[in-house]
Amino acid sequence: MSSTLSDTTRDTSTATVTGTPPGRTRPGLLPYALLVPAVLALTVALGYPLVRQVVLSLQDYGLAQQFGQPPEWVGANNYRRLVADGYLWRVTLRSIAFCLVNAALTMAIGVGLALLMRHMSRGVRLLVQTGLLLAWAMPVVASLTVWQWLFDTQYGVVNHVLTGLGLDYEGHGWLLRPLSFFFVATVIVVWMSVPFVAFTVYAALTQLPEELVEASEIDGAGPVSRFRHVVLPTIRPVLLVVGLLQIIWDLRVFSQIYILQKAGGSARDTNLLGTYIYRLGIGGGEFGMSAAVAIFMLALTVVLTAPYVRAMLRQEGEA
């Protein structure tokens, strides 16, 4: 009896010192060893390109270096040139505005569709989800070909419909002016992005306890109040993650802008950071400068997503 009590006391004191509950051994090195392959894979897949990009941004690397000539180290000279380049700042402001507008529209439409799908009949919901899935799964180039045809100057459906409504849109060139160019680009980007938001938020809404919604309805809460005080706090973690991803994707959009530029848009007046990096490197042969812009874009992404990351960490801390 005394031996058992002394063993229990010893286990309790050991747990107090080490933080390990009685009767449970501390984990060894095996969990950490199992993480090594994943850490190595991430280091090779993400670390090497990032380091290579940083090194390239500190060099004068052009077409001559592509044929074997050693690159010249210029230090921070590429970054100094960027800071003094007024065009870069115009492209940056343009990219931030495009990113925020598209992210806001995508989130608003996607969340709205997810909420509507909760109140649809099964057949209608299945039809809507099929349409969203087809829009999401369509290849970018194929979908952009269709959108170019819709907004075509001479044979576009959009011009034909607007002209039929009595508006002066016959022969209107949507891609010739920057404002209408970005309107078309916004329609395309939002159309491609909404399905992901709608599906993700709808999946989160399926986990919403119905008794909470019914209780708030019995207490007299209206639809807006129920959404604000019951639904929104429940799906807030999902909204933070989706919003974070949406800002990252919309800031680095490339294919839609580049293909629309090739279809008739003015590259200089419609460049975003993604196309600007491409035209500096592949188009202009200034790979060092394009690498510096890429690092600048990475830093800008961190700045724009920092509030979301802080909110997610605060959410984890409250949980």
Protein backbone atom coordinates (compact mmCIF):
# COMPACT_ATOMS: atom_id res chain seq x y z
CA MET A 1 0.00 0.00 0.00
CA SER A 2 2.72 2.45 1.00
CA SER A 3 4.73 1.38 -2.05
CA THR A 4 1.77 2.14 -4.33
CA LEU A 5 1.26 5.55 -2.75
CA SER A 6 4.92 6.40 -3.10
CA ASP A 7 4.86 5.36 -6.78
CA THR A 8 1.79 7.53 -7.39
CA THR A 9 3.40 10.45 -5.61
CA ARG A 10 6.57 9.99 -7.65
CA ASP A 11 4.59 9.87 -10.93
CA THR A 12 2.66 13.01 -9.96
CA SER A 13 5.81 14.92 -9.04
CA THR A 14 7.47 13.82 -12.29
CA ALA A 15 4.46 15.01 -14.27
CA THR A 16 4.61 18.36 -12.47
CA VAL A 17 8.26 18.85 -13.39
CA THR A 18 8.18 17.53 -16.98
CA GLY A 19 4.63 18.46 -17.94
CA THR A 20 3.85 14.86 -18.95
CA PRO A 21 0.62 13.31 -17.52
CA PRO A 22 1.07 10.30 -15.17
CA GLY A 23 1.29 6.97 -16.96
CA ARG A 24 2.19 8.56 -20.31
CA THR A 25 5.72 8.60 -21.67
CA ARG A 26 7.16 11.65 -23.38
CA PRO A 27 7.27 11.42 -27.18
CA GLY A 28 10.64 10.52 -28.60
CA LEU A 29 12.32 11.72 -31.76
CA LEU A 30 10.15 9.59 -34.08
CA PRO A 31 7.47 12.28 -34.75
CA TYR A 32 10.17 14.79 -35.68
CA ALA A 33 11.97 12.23 -37.85
CA LEU A 34 8.77 11.60 -39.77
CA LEU A 35 8.59 15.32 -40.60
CA VAL A 36 12.07 15.35 -42.15
CA PRO A 37 11.06 14.15 -45.67
CA ALA A 38 8.29 16.74 -45.91
CA VAL A 39 10.58 19.52 -44.66
CA LEU A 40 13.28 18.53 -47.13
CA ALA A 41 10.79 18.43 -50.02
CA LEU A 42 9.46 21.89 -49.13
CA THR A 43 13.00 23.24 -48.77
CA VAL A 44 14.00 21.98 -52.21
CA ALA A 45 10.73 22.92 -53.94
CA LEU A 46 10.30 26.36 -52.38
CA GLY A 47 13.62 27.32 -50.84
CA TYR A 48 15.87 26.88 -53.88
CA PRO A 49 13.71 28.93 -56.32
CA LEU A 50 13.42 31.71 -53.76
CA VAL A 51 17.15 31.81 -53.09
CA ARG A 52 17.85 31.68 -56.83
CA GLN A 53 15.45 34.56 -57.39
CA VAL A 54 17.15 36.68 -54.72
CA VAL A 55 20.59 35.97 -56.18
CA LEU A 56 19.37 36.81 -59.69
CA SER A 57 17.91 40.11 -58.47
CA LEU A 58 21.41 41.15 -57.33
CA GLN A 59 22.95 40.53 -60.73
CA ASP A 60 22.98 42.14 -64.15
CA TYR A 61 21.60 39.11 -65.96
CA GLY A 62 20.55 39.55 -69.58
CA LEU A 63 20.60 37.77 -72.90
CA ALA A 64 24.41 37.52 -72.94
CA GLN A 65 24.30 35.48 -69.72
CA GLN A 66 21.89 33.09 -71.42
CA PHE A 67 24.73 32.14 -73.77
CA GLY A 68 27.36 31.57 -71.10
CA GLN A 69 28.75 35.00 -70.22
CA PRO A 70 29.26 35.33 -66.44
CA PRO A 71 26.74 37.65 -64.77
CA GLU A 72 27.91 40.87 -63.17
CA TRP A 73 27.09 41.49 -59.52
CA VAL A 74 25.37 44.85 -59.11
CA GLY A 75 24.16 44.50 -55.52
CA ALA A 76 21.08 46.58 -54.78
CA ASN A 77 21.37 48.57 -58.02
CA ASN A 78 18.36 46.80 -59.55
CA TYR A 79 16.24 47.73 -56.52
CA ARG A 80 17.42 51.34 -56.68
CA ARG A 81 16.36 51.48 -60.33
CA LEU A 82 12.97 50.10 -59.39
CA VAL A 83 12.41 52.65 -56.64
CA ALA A 84 13.16 55.45 -59.10
CA ASP A 85 10.92 53.97 -61.81
CA GLY A 86 7.61 55.82 -61.83
CA TYR A 87 6.05 53.28 -64.17
CA LEU A 88 6.57 50.48 -61.64
CA TRP A 89 4.61 52.40 -59.01
CA ARG A 90 1.76 52.99 -61.47
CA VAL A 91 1.70 49.27 -62.23
CA THR A 92 1.80 48.50 -58.49
CA LEU A 93 -1.15 50.78 -57.67
CA ARG A 94 -3.03 49.34 -60.66
CA SER A 95 -2.33 45.79 -59.46
CA ILE A 96 -3.43 46.52 -55.88
CA ALA A 97 -6.66 48.15 -57.04
CA PHE A 98 -7.40 45.29 -59.44
CA CYS A 99 -6.63 42.73 -56.72
CA LEU A 100 -8.84 44.32 -54.05
CA VAL A 101 -11.78 44.93 -56.39
CA ASN A 102 -11.70 41.39 -57.76
CA ALA A 103 -11.23 39.80 -54.33
CA ALA A 104 -14.12 41.80 -52.86
CA LEU A 105 -16.47 41.00 -55.75
CA THR A 106 -15.50 37.32 -55.72
CA MET A 107 -16.05 36.99 -51.98
CA ALA A 108 -19.38 38.83 -52.07
CA ILE A 109 -20.78 36.83 -54.99
CA GLY A 110 -19.34 33.52 -53.76
CA VAL A 111 -20.71 33.91 -50.23
CA GLY A 112 -24.06 35.06 -51.61
CA LEU A 113 -24.31 31.97 -53.83
CA ALA A 114 -23.34 29.71 -50.93
CA LEU A 115 -26.09 31.21 -48.78
CA LEU A 116 -28.63 30.84 -51.59
CA MET A 117 -27.70 27.20 -52.12
CA ARG A 118 -28.75 26.43 -48.55
CA HIS A 119 -32.32 27.46 -49.42
CA MET A 120 -32.56 25.87 -52.89
CA SER A 121 -34.34 22.63 -53.60
CA ARG A 122 -32.08 19.67 -54.25
CA GLY A 123 -32.59 19.69 -58.02
CA VAL A 124 -31.96 23.42 -58.42
CA ARG A 125 -28.94 23.25 -56.13
CA LEU A 126 -27.49 20.37 -58.14
CA LEU A 127 -27.98 22.35 -61.36
CA VAL A 128 -26.26 25.43 -59.92
CA GLN A 129 -23.38 23.37 -58.54
CA THR A 130 -22.91 21.67 -61.90
CA GLY A 131 -22.71 25.04 -63.63
CA LEU A 132 -20.19 26.31 -61.09
CA LEU A 133 -18.12 23.17 -61.42
CA LEU A 134 -18.02 23.45 -65.22
CA ALA A 135 -16.96 27.10 -65.02
CA TRP A 136 -14.24 26.21 -62.52
CA ALA A 137 -12.97 23.21 -64.48
CA MET A 138 -12.82 24.92 -67.87
CA PRO A 139 -9.20 25.51 -69.05
CA VAL A 140 -8.11 29.13 -68.90
CA VAL A 141 -7.18 29.47 -72.56
CA ALA A 142 -10.41 27.83 -73.76
CA SER A 143 -12.58 30.03 -71.55
CA LEU A 144 -10.69 33.17 -72.59
CA THR A 145 -11.30 32.29 -76.25
CA VAL A 146 -15.04 32.25 -75.54
CA TRP A 147 -14.89 35.53 -73.60
CA GLN A 148 -12.93 37.20 -76.40
CA TRP A 149 -15.66 36.16 -78.82
CA LEU A 150 -18.38 37.50 -76.52
CA PHE A 151 -16.67 40.93 -76.34
CA ASP A 152 -15.48 40.96 -79.95
CA THR A 153 -15.67 44.37 -81.65
CA GLN A 154 -17.51 43.26 -84.80
CA TYR A 155 -19.17 39.94 -84.01
CA GLY A 156 -19.42 40.01 -80.20
CA VAL A 157 -22.64 38.98 -78.52
CA VAL A 158 -22.28 41.70 -75.87
CA ASN A 159 -22.15 44.51 -78.45
CA HIS A 160 -25.06 42.96 -80.36
CA VAL A 161 -27.26 42.75 -77.25
CA LEU A 162 -26.40 46.27 -76.06
CA THR A 163 -27.00 47.69 -79.53
CA GLY A 164 -30.35 45.88 -79.65
CA LEU A 165 -31.29 47.60 -76.38
CA GLY A 166 -30.78 50.96 -78.05
CA LEU A 167 -27.31 51.73 -76.71
CA ASP A 168 -24.49 52.99 -78.92
CA TYR A 169 -22.20 49.95 -78.74
CA GLU A 170 -21.96 48.98 -82.39
CA GLY A 171 -18.28 48.28 -83.15
CA HIS A 172 -17.26 49.15 -79.58
CA GLY A 173 -13.70 48.04 -78.79
CA TRP A 174 -13.76 46.76 -75.21
CA LEU A 175 -10.02 46.03 -75.07
CA LEU A 176 -8.80 49.30 -76.59
CA ARG A 177 -9.38 51.47 -73.52
CA PRO A 178 -7.81 50.61 -70.14
CA LEU A 179 -11.02 51.07 -68.12
CA SER A 180 -13.15 48.79 -70.31
CA PHE A 181 -10.18 46.40 -70.63
CA PHE A 182 -10.08 45.93 -66.87
CA PHE A 183 -13.87 45.64 -66.76
CA VAL A 184 -13.65 42.65 -69.11
CA ALA A 185 -10.69 41.23 -67.14
CA THR A 186 -12.63 41.61 -63.88
CA VAL A 187 -15.66 39.80 -65.30
CA ILE A 188 -13.44 36.91 -66.42
CA VAL A 189 -11.38 36.65 -63.21
CA VAL A 190 -14.44 36.83 -60.95
CA TRP A 191 -16.29 34.28 -63.12
CA MET A 192 -13.34 31.88 -62.76
CA SER A 193 -12.90 32.47 -59.01
CA VAL A 194 -16.46 32.45 -57.68
CA PRO A 195 -16.93 28.64 -57.83
CA PHE A 196 -14.07 28.00 -55.39
CA VAL A 197 -15.46 30.50 -52.87
CA ALA A 198 -19.03 29.28 -53.28
CA PHE A 199 -18.15 25.59 -52.83
CA THR A 200 -15.83 26.22 -49.87
CA VAL A 201 -18.26 28.48 -48.00
CA TYR A 202 -21.19 26.18 -48.75
CA ALA A 203 -19.21 23.28 -47.27
CA ALA A 204 -18.67 25.37 -44.15
CA LEU A 205 -22.38 26.25 -43.99
CA THR A 206 -23.32 22.56 -44.01
CA GLN A 207 -21.53 22.27 -40.65
CA LEU A 208 -23.63 25.10 -39.16
CA PRO A 209 -25.84 23.71 -36.36
CA GLU A 210 -29.44 24.19 -37.46
CA GLU A 211 -30.62 24.46 -33.85
CA LEU A 212 -28.63 27.70 -33.45
CA VAL A 213 -30.33 29.24 -36.47
CA GLU A 214 -33.76 28.06 -35.32
CA ALA A 215 -33.17 29.36 -31.79
CA SER A 216 -32.16 32.80 -33.08
CA GLU A 217 -35.22 32.83 -35.37
CA ILE A 218 -37.49 31.98 -32.44
CA ASP A 219 -35.88 34.82 -30.44
CA GLY A 220 -36.97 37.23 -33.17
CA ALA A 221 -33.70 37.73 -35.05
CA GLY A 222 -34.15 38.77 -38.67
CA PRO A 223 -32.15 37.40 -41.64
CA VAL A 224 -29.45 40.08 -41.40
CA SER A 225 -29.12 39.67 -37.65
CA ARG A 226 -28.96 35.88 -37.94
CA PHE A 227 -26.24 36.13 -40.58
CA ARG A 228 -24.25 38.66 -38.56
CA HIS A 229 -24.44 37.07 -35.12
CA VAL A 230 -24.87 33.34 -35.87
CA VAL A 231 -23.73 32.40 -39.36
CA LEU A 232 -20.78 34.77 -39.79
CA PRO A 233 -18.96 33.87 -36.53
CA THR A 234 -19.30 30.17 -37.37
CA ILE A 235 -17.81 30.39 -40.87
CA ARG A 236 -15.34 33.19 -40.08
CA PRO A 237 -12.26 30.91 -40.06
CA VAL A 238 -13.16 29.61 -43.52
CA LEU A 239 -13.78 33.14 -44.81
CA LEU A 240 -10.36 34.23 -43.56
CA VAL A 241 -8.60 31.39 -45.37
CA VAL A 242 -10.56 31.88 -48.59
CA GLY A 243 -10.02 35.64 -48.48
CA LEU A 244 -6.29 35.15 -47.96
CA LEU A 245 -6.04 32.82 -50.95
CA GLN A 246 -8.16 35.10 -53.10
CA ILE A 247 -5.91 38.12 -52.49
CA ILE A 248 -2.81 36.07 -53.32
CA TRP A 249 -4.35 34.73 -56.54
CA ASP A 250 -5.76 38.08 -57.70
CA LEU A 251 -2.49 39.91 -57.07
CA ARG A 252 -0.50 37.48 -59.18
CA VAL A 253 -3.04 37.09 -62.00
CA PHE A 254 -1.25 36.68 -65.32
CA SER A 255 -2.92 34.50 -67.96
CA GLN A 256 -6.13 36.50 -68.26
CA ILE A 257 -4.32 39.85 -68.60
CA TYR A 258 -1.66 38.56 -70.98
CA ILE A 259 -4.11 36.88 -73.35
CA LEU A 260 -6.40 39.92 -73.41
CA GLN A 261 -3.39 42.11 -74.17
CA LYS A 262 -2.52 39.84 -77.10
CA ALA A 263 -6.12 40.16 -78.30
CA GLY A 264 -5.84 43.93 -78.69
CA GLY A 265 -5.16 45.61 -75.35
CA SER A 266 -2.35 48.13 -74.90
CA ALA A 267 0.31 46.37 -72.84
CA ARG A 268 1.81 49.52 -71.33
CA ASP A 269 -1.56 50.87 -70.19
CA THR A 270 -2.85 47.54 -68.86
CA ASN A 271 0.21 45.83 -67.38
CA LEU A 272 -0.12 44.34 -63.91
CA LEU A 273 2.82 43.10 -61.89
CA GLY A 274 2.63 39.60 -63.36
CA THR A 275 2.72 40.73 -66.98
CA TYR A 276 5.27 43.44 -66.17
CA ILE A 277 7.66 40.82 -64.77
CA TYR A 278 7.15 38.65 -67.85
CA ARG A 279 7.76 41.50 -70.28
CA LEU A 280 10.87 42.64 -68.43
CA GLY A 281 12.39 39.16 -68.40
CA ILE A 282 11.18 37.20 -71.42
CA GLY A 283 10.27 40.20 -73.53
CA GLY A 284 13.11 42.59 -72.66
CA GLY A 285 15.86 40.19 -71.59
CA GLU A 286 16.36 42.00 -68.24
CA PHE A 287 16.18 38.94 -66.02
CA GLY A 288 17.90 40.63 -63.08
CA MET A 289 15.38 43.44 -63.07
CA SER A 290 12.45 41.06 -63.47
CA ALA A 291 13.74 39.02 -60.52
CA ALA A 292 13.90 42.21 -58.44
CA VAL A 293 10.29 43.02 -59.35
CA ALA A 294 9.32 39.45 -58.41
CA ILE A 295 10.91 39.89 -54.96
CA PHE A 296 9.11 43.22 -54.63
CA MET A 297 5.85 41.46 -55.55
CA LEU A 298 6.49 38.81 -52.90
CA ALA A 299 7.01 41.52 -50.27
CA LEU A 300 3.83 43.27 -51.41
CA THR A 301 1.91 39.99 -51.09
CA VAL A 302 3.15 39.59 -47.52
CA VAL A 303 2.04 43.16 -46.68
CA LEU A 304 -1.44 42.70 -48.18
CA THR A 305 -2.04 39.33 -46.53
CA ALA A 306 -0.61 40.27 -43.11
CA PRO A 307 -4.01 41.43 -41.71
CA TYR A 308 -5.57 38.10 -42.69
CA VAL A 309 -2.73 36.14 -41.12
CA ARG A 310 -3.01 38.16 -37.89
CA ALA A 311 -6.76 37.59 -37.80
CA MET A 312 -6.27 33.85 -38.34
CA LEU A 313 -3.69 33.68 -35.53
CA ARG A 314 -5.98 35.64 -33.23
CA GLN A 315 -8.80 33.26 -34.11
CA GLU A 316 -6.60 30.29 -33.23
CA GLY A 317 -5.64 31.91 -29.94
CA GLU A 318 -9.27 32.50 -28.98
CA ALA A 319 -10.11 28.89 -29.85
